Amino acid sequence: MGFDLDLTLADTRAGIAAVYDEVASRLGVRIDSAEVISRLGPPLEQELARWLPEPAIPEAAALYRSLYGEIAVPRTTTMPGAAEALAEVRRHGGRVIVVTGKNEVAAWETIHFLGLEVDEVAGSVFGAAKGLAIAQFGAAAYVGDHVADIAAARAGGALSVAVTTGGYQREAMDAHGADVILRDLTEFASWFSAWCVPEIGAVSTVIPRPGWA
């Protein structure tokens, strides 16, 4: 099973805002952290390009990453239902990969801080570029809060499960072709259990691949 990280498993908004504020202060530039966290998902350099000239981006990105563990991670909390969702996957014998736009070091730091049980992490990928990691892991479904996560699932040959805990609501997820739409991960366990074990006599439209994760 595959999951996005920011605003899917982890509420990173306060931490990310704090890091952007510190970066802006140290470099003497304007970055509206409230605006930044309204569109979490794309890679760091893509967001920095909205605020800085291209030659300044590498320095700012390096500074951001050097500060993330100290400033952002302690301000991070789990999204509602996240731990229970991963436990449900384990209960059915599945494995978990996190595929995220966040770099792998920061992703692992976040996961360990929150005490989440994850088998693999693929970082610094966004949208359809996530598909390779999803496919290589063999994830039968991928869960994310961004419309780009729908493209990620498609690229990885996985079922797209959308949660409306980020910047996109049900209508947008539906318009982009999500296979399943959940309000948040508190609804995941009941959906996942039914998906894995269809009721007798029901016709399952989704069949997990052999060795599914």
C-alpha atoms as a PDB file:
ATOM      1  CA  MET A   1       0.000   0.000   0.000  1.00  0.00           C
ATOM      2  CA  GLY A   2       1.326   3.440  -0.869  1.00  0.00           C
ATOM      3  CA  PHE A   3       0.755   6.707   0.962  1.00  0.00           C
ATOM      4  CA  ASP A   4       1.670  10.337   0.460  1.00  0.00           C
ATOM      5  CA  LEU A   5       3.125  12.052   3.546  1.00  0.00           C
ATOM      6  CA  ASP A   6       2.283  15.761   3.908  1.00  0.00           C
ATOM      7  CA  LEU A   7      -1.410  16.241   4.796  1.00  0.00           C
ATOM      8  CA  THR A   8      -2.093  12.549   4.182  1.00  0.00           C
ATOM      9  CA  LEU A   9      -0.226  10.852   7.032  1.00  0.00           C
ATOM     10  CA  ALA A  10       1.413  13.890   8.653  1.00  0.00           C
ATOM     11  CA  ASP A  11       0.183  17.377   9.451  1.00  0.00           C
ATOM     12  CA  THR A  12       3.344  19.269   8.585  1.00  0.00           C
ATOM     13  CA  ARG A  13       1.808  22.706   8.087  1.00  0.00           C
ATOM     14  CA  ALA A  14       3.033  24.399  11.275  1.00  0.00           C
ATOM     15  CA  GLY A  15       6.536  23.006  10.910  1.00  0.00           C
ATOM     16  CA  ILE A  16       6.904  23.875   7.250  1.00  0.00           C
ATOM     17  CA  ALA A  17       5.635  27.405   7.868  1.00  0.00           C
ATOM     18  CA  ALA A  18       8.164  27.854  10.680  1.00  0.00           C
ATOM     19  CA  VAL A  19      11.042  26.734   8.464  1.00  0.00           C
ATOM     20  CA  TYR A  20      10.024  29.055   5.623  1.00  0.00           C
ATOM     21  CA  ASP A  21       9.788  31.930   8.107  1.00  0.00           C
ATOM     22  CA  GLU A  22      13.306  31.196   9.350  1.00  0.00           C
ATOM     23  CA  VAL A  23      14.683  30.914   5.819  1.00  0.00           C
ATOM     24  CA  ALA A  24      13.079  34.234   4.875  1.00  0.00           C
ATOM     25  CA  SER A  25      14.500  35.895   7.974  1.00  0.00           C
ATOM     26  CA  ARG A  26      18.036  34.599   7.449  1.00  0.00           C
ATOM     27  CA  LEU A  27      18.153  35.434   3.741  1.00  0.00           C
ATOM     28  CA  GLY A  28      16.338  38.744   4.067  1.00  0.00           C
ATOM     29  CA  VAL A  29      13.638  37.848   1.542  1.00  0.00           C
ATOM     30  CA  ARG A  30       9.839  37.831   1.592  1.00  0.00           C
ATOM     31  CA  ILE A  31       8.122  34.432   1.747  1.00  0.00           C
ATOM     32  CA  ASP A  32       4.464  34.241   2.755  1.00  0.00           C
ATOM     33  CA  SER A  33       4.445  30.981   4.718  1.00  0.00           C
ATOM     34  CA  ALA A  34       0.645  30.985   4.985  1.00  0.00           C
ATOM     35  CA  GLU A  35       0.434  31.002   1.205  1.00  0.00           C
ATOM     36  CA  VAL A  36       3.070  28.275   0.976  1.00  0.00           C
ATOM     37  CA  ILE A  37       1.206  25.834   3.189  1.00  0.00           C
ATOM     38  CA  SER A  38      -2.020  26.421   1.274  1.00  0.00           C
ATOM     39  CA  ARG A  39      -0.519  24.449  -1.639  1.00  0.00           C
ATOM     40  CA  LEU A  40       1.717  21.776  -0.118  1.00  0.00           C
ATOM     41  CA  GLY A  41       2.718  18.937  -2.391  1.00  0.00           C
ATOM     42  CA  PRO A  42       5.145  20.093  -5.111  1.00  0.00           C
ATOM     43  CA  PRO A  43       8.911  19.843  -4.517  1.00  0.00           C
ATOM     44  CA  LEU A  44      10.721  22.462  -2.435  1.00  0.00           C
ATOM     45  CA  GLU A  45      12.583  24.061  -5.337  1.00  0.00           C
ATOM     46  CA  GLN A  46       9.327  24.595  -7.220  1.00  0.00           C
ATOM     47  CA  GLU A  47       7.853  26.539  -4.305  1.00  0.00           C
ATOM     48  CA  LEU A  48      11.029  28.553  -3.724  1.00  0.00           C
ATOM     49  CA  ALA A  49      10.955  29.607  -7.380  1.00  0.00           C
ATOM     50  CA  ARG A  50       7.819  31.609  -6.585  1.00  0.00           C
ATOM     51  CA  TRP A  51       9.768  33.779  -4.145  1.00  0.00           C
ATOM     52  CA  LEU A  52      13.395  33.850  -5.234  1.00  0.00           C
ATOM     53  CA  PRO A  53      15.412  34.383  -8.403  1.00  0.00           C
ATOM     54  CA  GLU A  54      16.724  31.146  -9.884  1.00  0.00           C
ATOM     55  CA  PRO A  55      20.370  31.619  -8.811  1.00  0.00           C
ATOM     56  CA  ALA A  56      19.295  31.934  -5.155  1.00  0.00           C
ATOM     57  CA  ILE A  57      17.234  28.749  -5.050  1.00  0.00           C
ATOM     58  CA  PRO A  58      20.003  26.180  -4.346  1.00  0.00           C
ATOM     59  CA  GLU A  59      21.252  28.105  -1.298  1.00  0.00           C
ATOM     60  CA  ALA A  60      17.731  28.584   0.041  1.00  0.00           C
ATOM     61  CA  ALA A  61      16.861  24.915  -0.513  1.00  0.00           C
ATOM     62  CA  ALA A  62      20.015  23.773   1.282  1.00  0.00           C
ATOM     63  CA  LEU A  63      19.260  26.086   4.202  1.00  0.00           C
ATOM     64  CA  TYR A  64      15.658  24.877   4.375  1.00  0.00           C
ATOM     65  CA  ARG A  65      16.727  21.236   4.484  1.00  0.00           C
ATOM     66  CA  SER A  66      19.379  21.893   7.115  1.00  0.00           C
ATOM     67  CA  LEU A  67      16.748  23.465   9.385  1.00  0.00           C
ATOM     68  CA  TYR A  68      13.904  21.022   8.780  1.00  0.00           C
ATOM     69  CA  GLY A  69      14.774  18.392  11.363  1.00  0.00           C
ATOM     70  CA  GLU A  70      15.319  20.911  14.155  1.00  0.00           C
ATOM     71  CA  ILE A  71      12.413  23.251  13.443  1.00  0.00           C
ATOM     72  CA  ALA A  72       9.716  21.403  11.521  1.00  0.00           C
ATOM     73  CA  VAL A  73       9.765  17.835  12.784  1.00  0.00           C
ATOM     74  CA  PRO A  74       8.955  18.668  16.448  1.00  0.00           C
ATOM     75  CA  ARG A  75       5.936  20.686  15.259  1.00  0.00           C
ATOM     76  CA  THR A  76       4.538  17.798  13.198  1.00  0.00           C
ATOM     77  CA  THR A  77       1.521  15.707  14.217  1.00  0.00           C
ATOM     78  CA  THR A  78      -0.210  12.705  12.709  1.00  0.00           C
ATOM     79  CA  MET A  79      -3.293  13.277  10.591  1.00  0.00           C
ATOM     80  CA  PRO A  80      -6.507  11.825  12.043  1.00  0.00           C
ATOM     81  CA  GLY A  81      -6.664   8.088  11.413  1.00  0.00           C
ATOM     82  CA  ALA A  82      -3.126   7.794  10.042  1.00  0.00           C
ATOM     83  CA  ALA A  83      -1.755   5.315  12.576  1.00  0.00           C
ATOM     84  CA  GLU A  84      -4.946   3.264  12.412  1.00  0.00           C
ATOM     85  CA  ALA A  85      -4.775   3.174   8.603  1.00  0.00           C
ATOM     86  CA  LEU A  86      -1.269   1.742   8.621  1.00  0.00           C
ATOM     87  CA  ALA A  87      -2.253  -0.750  11.314  1.00  0.00           C
ATOM     88  CA  GLU A  88      -5.165  -1.908   9.167  1.00  0.00           C
ATOM     89  CA  VAL A  89      -2.839  -2.553   6.238  1.00  0.00           C
ATOM     90  CA  ARG A  90      -0.592  -4.590   8.564  1.00  0.00           C
ATOM     91  CA  ARG A  91      -3.573  -6.502   9.934  1.00  0.00           C
ATOM     92  CA  HIS A  92      -4.299  -7.743   6.411  1.00  0.00           C
ATOM     93  CA  GLY A  93      -0.669  -8.732   5.842  1.00  0.00           C
ATOM     94  CA  GLY A  94       0.256  -5.753   3.686  1.00  0.00           C
ATOM     95  CA  ARG A  95       3.368  -3.560   3.556  1.00  0.00           C
ATOM     96  CA  VAL A  96       3.609   0.225   3.362  1.00  0.00           C
ATOM     97  CA  ILE A  97       5.612   2.611   1.205  1.00  0.00           C
ATOM     98  CA  VAL A  98       5.563   6.390   1.566  1.00  0.00           C
ATOM     99  CA  VAL A  99       6.100   8.227  -1.726  1.00  0.00           C
ATOM    100  CA  THR A 100       6.467  11.965  -1.219  1.00  0.00           C
ATOM    101  CA  GLY A 101       7.725  15.229  -2.624  1.00  0.00           C
ATOM    102  CA  LYS A 102       9.680  15.703   0.606  1.00  0.00           C
ATOM    103  CA  ASN A 103      13.315  14.623   0.502  1.00  0.00           C
ATOM    104  CA  GLU A 104      13.934  11.166   1.958  1.00  0.00           C
ATOM    105  CA  VAL A 105      15.959  12.336   4.971  1.00  0.00           C
ATOM    106  CA  ALA A 106      13.199  14.699   6.150  1.00  0.00           C
ATOM    107  CA  ALA A 107      10.542  12.108   5.332  1.00  0.00           C
ATOM    108  CA  TRP A 108      12.226   9.441   7.472  1.00  0.00           C
ATOM    109  CA  GLU A 109      12.791  11.939  10.296  1.00  0.00           C
ATOM    110  CA  THR A 110       9.089  12.785  10.220  1.00  0.00           C
ATOM    111  CA  ILE A 111       7.987   9.151  10.113  1.00  0.00           C
ATOM    112  CA  HIS A 112      10.245   8.148  13.003  1.00  0.00           C
ATOM    113  CA  PHE A 113       9.185  11.143  15.092  1.00  0.00           C
ATOM    114  CA  LEU A 114       5.522  10.213  14.626  1.00  0.00           C
ATOM    115  CA  GLY A 115       6.186   6.533  15.356  1.00  0.00           C
ATOM    116  CA  LEU A 116       4.671   5.347  12.079  1.00  0.00           C
ATOM    117  CA  GLU A 117       5.574   1.863  10.829  1.00  0.00           C
ATOM    118  CA  VAL A 118       6.692   2.149   7.214  1.00  0.00           C
ATOM    119  CA  ASP A 119       8.688  -0.306   5.092  1.00  0.00           C
ATOM    120  CA  GLU A 120      10.094   2.001   2.424  1.00  0.00           C
ATOM    121  CA  VAL A 121      10.259   5.695   1.528  1.00  0.00           C
ATOM    122  CA  ALA A 122      10.745   7.298  -1.873  1.00  0.00           C
ATOM    123  CA  GLY A 123      11.282  11.050  -1.746  1.00  0.00           C
ATOM    124  CA  SER A 124      11.683  14.145  -3.916  1.00  0.00           C
ATOM    125  CA  VAL A 125       9.080  12.977  -6.451  1.00  0.00           C
ATOM    126  CA  PHE A 126       5.776  14.571  -7.417  1.00  0.00           C
ATOM    127  CA  GLY A 127       2.790  13.703  -9.573  1.00  0.00           C
ATOM    128  CA  ALA A 128       3.309  11.018 -12.197  1.00  0.00           C
ATOM    129  CA  ALA A 129       6.997  10.843 -11.246  1.00  0.00           C
ATOM    130  CA  LYS A 130       5.863   8.950  -8.140  1.00  0.00           C
ATOM    131  CA  GLY A 131       4.633   6.144 -10.356  1.00  0.00           C
ATOM    132  CA  LEU A 132       7.966   4.339 -10.691  1.00  0.00           C
ATOM    133  CA  ALA A 133       8.356   3.900  -6.916  1.00  0.00           C
ATOM    134  CA  ILE A 134       4.718   2.845  -6.554  1.00  0.00           C
ATOM    135  CA  ALA A 135       5.083   0.248  -9.308  1.00  0.00           C
ATOM    136  CA  GLN A 136       8.456  -1.078  -8.137  1.00  0.00           C
ATOM    137  CA  PHE A 137       7.105  -1.574  -4.633  1.00  0.00           C
ATOM    138  CA  GLY A 138       4.065  -3.361  -6.062  1.00  0.00           C
ATOM    139  CA  ALA A 139       1.530  -1.149  -4.292  1.00  0.00           C
ATOM    140  CA  ALA A 140      -2.005  -2.020  -5.343  1.00  0.00           C
ATOM    141  CA  ALA A 141      -3.316   1.382  -4.172  1.00  0.00           C
ATOM    142  CA  TYR A 142      -1.884   4.829  -3.462  1.00  0.00           C
ATOM    143  CA  VAL A 143      -3.445   7.296  -1.025  1.00  0.00           C
ATOM    144  CA  GLY A 144      -2.921  11.048  -1.299  1.00  0.00           C
ATOM    145  CA  ASP A 145      -4.490  14.449  -0.648  1.00  0.00           C
ATOM    146  CA  HIS A 146      -3.401  16.195  -3.882  1.00  0.00           C
ATOM    147  CA  VAL A 147      -4.908  15.832  -7.361  1.00  0.00           C
ATOM    148  CA  ALA A 148      -1.374  15.076  -8.551  1.00  0.00           C
ATOM    149  CA  ASP A 149      -1.499  11.941  -6.377  1.00  0.00           C
ATOM    150  CA  ILE A 150      -4.226  10.634  -8.670  1.00  0.00           C
ATOM    151  CA  ALA A 151      -1.780  10.902 -11.568  1.00  0.00           C
ATOM    152  CA  ALA A 152       0.824   9.203  -9.361  1.00  0.00           C
ATOM    153  CA  ALA A 153      -1.447   6.227  -8.762  1.00  0.00           C
ATOM    154  CA  ARG A 154      -2.288   5.974 -12.457  1.00  0.00           C
ATOM    155  CA  ALA A 155       1.401   6.083 -13.417  1.00  0.00           C
ATOM    156  CA  GLY A 156       2.145   3.325 -10.914  1.00  0.00           C
ATOM    157  CA  GLY A 157      -0.703   1.084 -12.041  1.00  0.00           C
ATOM    158  CA  ALA A 158      -2.413   1.463  -8.672  1.00  0.00           C
ATOM    159  CA  LEU A 159      -5.886   2.306  -7.428  1.00  0.00           C
ATOM    160  CA  SER A 160      -6.182   6.015  -6.634  1.00  0.00           C
ATOM    161  CA  VAL A 161      -7.510   6.684  -3.123  1.00  0.00           C
ATOM    162  CA  ALA A 162      -8.011  10.378  -2.409  1.00  0.00           C
ATOM    163  CA  VAL A 163      -8.410  12.005   0.994  1.00  0.00           C
ATOM    164  CA  THR A 164      -9.782  15.537   1.246  1.00  0.00           C
ATOM    165  CA  THR A 165      -7.410  16.643   3.997  1.00  0.00           C
ATOM    166  CA  GLY A 166      -5.307  18.934   1.818  1.00  0.00           C
ATOM    167  CA  GLY A 167      -6.256  21.699  -0.572  1.00  0.00           C
ATOM    168  CA  TYR A 168      -8.659  19.674  -2.728  1.00  0.00           C
ATOM    169  CA  GLN A 169     -12.216  18.722  -1.917  1.00  0.00           C
ATOM    170  CA  ARG A 170     -14.366  15.870  -3.202  1.00  0.00           C
ATOM    171  CA  GLU A 171     -15.470  17.655  -6.376  1.00  0.00           C
ATOM    172  CA  ALA A 172     -11.893  18.271  -7.518  1.00  0.00           C
ATOM    173  CA  MET A 173     -10.803  14.721  -6.703  1.00  0.00           C
ATOM    174  CA  ASP A 174     -13.777  13.327  -8.594  1.00  0.00           C
ATOM    175  CA  ALA A 175     -13.124  15.578 -11.577  1.00  0.00           C
ATOM    176  CA  HIS A 176      -9.543  14.308 -11.760  1.00  0.00           C
ATOM    177  CA  GLY A 177     -10.688  10.680 -11.716  1.00  0.00           C
ATOM    178  CA  ALA A 178      -9.978   9.383  -8.221  1.00  0.00           C
ATOM    179  CA  ASP A 179     -11.205   5.790  -7.840  1.00  0.00           C
ATOM    180  CA  VAL A 180     -12.069   6.197  -4.149  1.00  0.00           C
ATOM    181  CA  ILE A 181     -12.626   9.416  -2.171  1.00  0.00           C
ATOM    182  CA  LEU A 182     -12.454   9.456   1.627  1.00  0.00           C
ATOM    183  CA  ARG A 183     -13.060  12.420   3.909  1.00  0.00           C
ATOM    184  CA  ASP A 184      -9.900  11.533   5.831  1.00  0.00           C
ATOM    185  CA  LEU A 185      -8.015   8.472   7.044  1.00  0.00           C
ATOM    186  CA  THR A 186     -10.529   7.811   9.813  1.00  0.00           C
ATOM    187  CA  GLU A 187     -12.624   6.305   6.985  1.00  0.00           C
ATOM    188  CA  PHE A 188      -9.747   4.222   5.619  1.00  0.00           C
ATOM    189  CA  ALA A 189      -9.956   1.100   7.794  1.00  0.00           C
ATOM    190  CA  SER A 190     -13.578   0.293   6.988  1.00  0.00           C
ATOM    191  CA  TRP A 191     -13.041   0.919   3.276  1.00  0.00           C
ATOM    192  CA  PHE A 192      -9.813  -1.090   3.160  1.00  0.00           C
ATOM    193  CA  SER A 193     -11.252  -4.052   5.021  1.00  0.00           C
ATOM    194  CA  ALA A 194     -14.202  -4.215   2.622  1.00  0.00           C
ATOM    195  CA  TRP A 195     -11.909  -3.826  -0.396  1.00  0.00           C
ATOM    196  CA  CYS A 196      -9.640  -6.659   0.710  1.00  0.00           C
ATOM    197  CA  VAL A 197     -12.465  -8.988   1.718  1.00  0.00           C
ATOM    198  CA  PRO A 198     -15.543  -8.386  -0.467  1.00  0.00           C
ATOM    199  CA  GLU A 199     -18.878  -9.557   0.871  1.00  0.00           C
ATOM    200  CA  ILE A 200     -19.969 -13.002  -0.271  1.00  0.00           C
ATOM    201  CA  GLY A 201     -21.843 -12.680  -3.541  1.00  0.00           C
ATOM    202  CA  ALA A 202     -20.476  -9.215  -4.286  1.00  0.00           C
ATOM    203  CA  VAL A 203     -18.525  -8.517  -7.442  1.00  0.00           C
ATOM    204  CA  SER A 204     -15.205  -6.863  -6.671  1.00  0.00           C
ATOM    205  CA  THR A 205     -14.155  -4.315  -9.302  1.00  0.00           C
ATOM    206  CA  VAL A 206     -10.663  -4.034  -7.801  1.00  0.00           C
ATOM    207  CA  ILE A 207      -8.463  -7.102  -7.489  1.00  0.00           C
ATOM    208  CA  PRO A 208      -5.178  -6.627  -5.600  1.00  0.00           C
ATOM    209  CA  ARG A 209      -2.197  -7.933  -7.514  1.00  0.00           C
ATOM    210  CA  PRO A 210      -0.334 -11.062  -6.346  1.00  0.00           C
ATOM    211  CA  GLY A 211       2.024 -10.062  -3.575  1.00  0.00           C
ATOM    212  CA  TRP A 212       0.159  -6.766  -3.154  1.00  0.00           C
ATOM    213  CA  ALA A 213       1.370  -4.239  -0.666  1.00  0.00           C
END
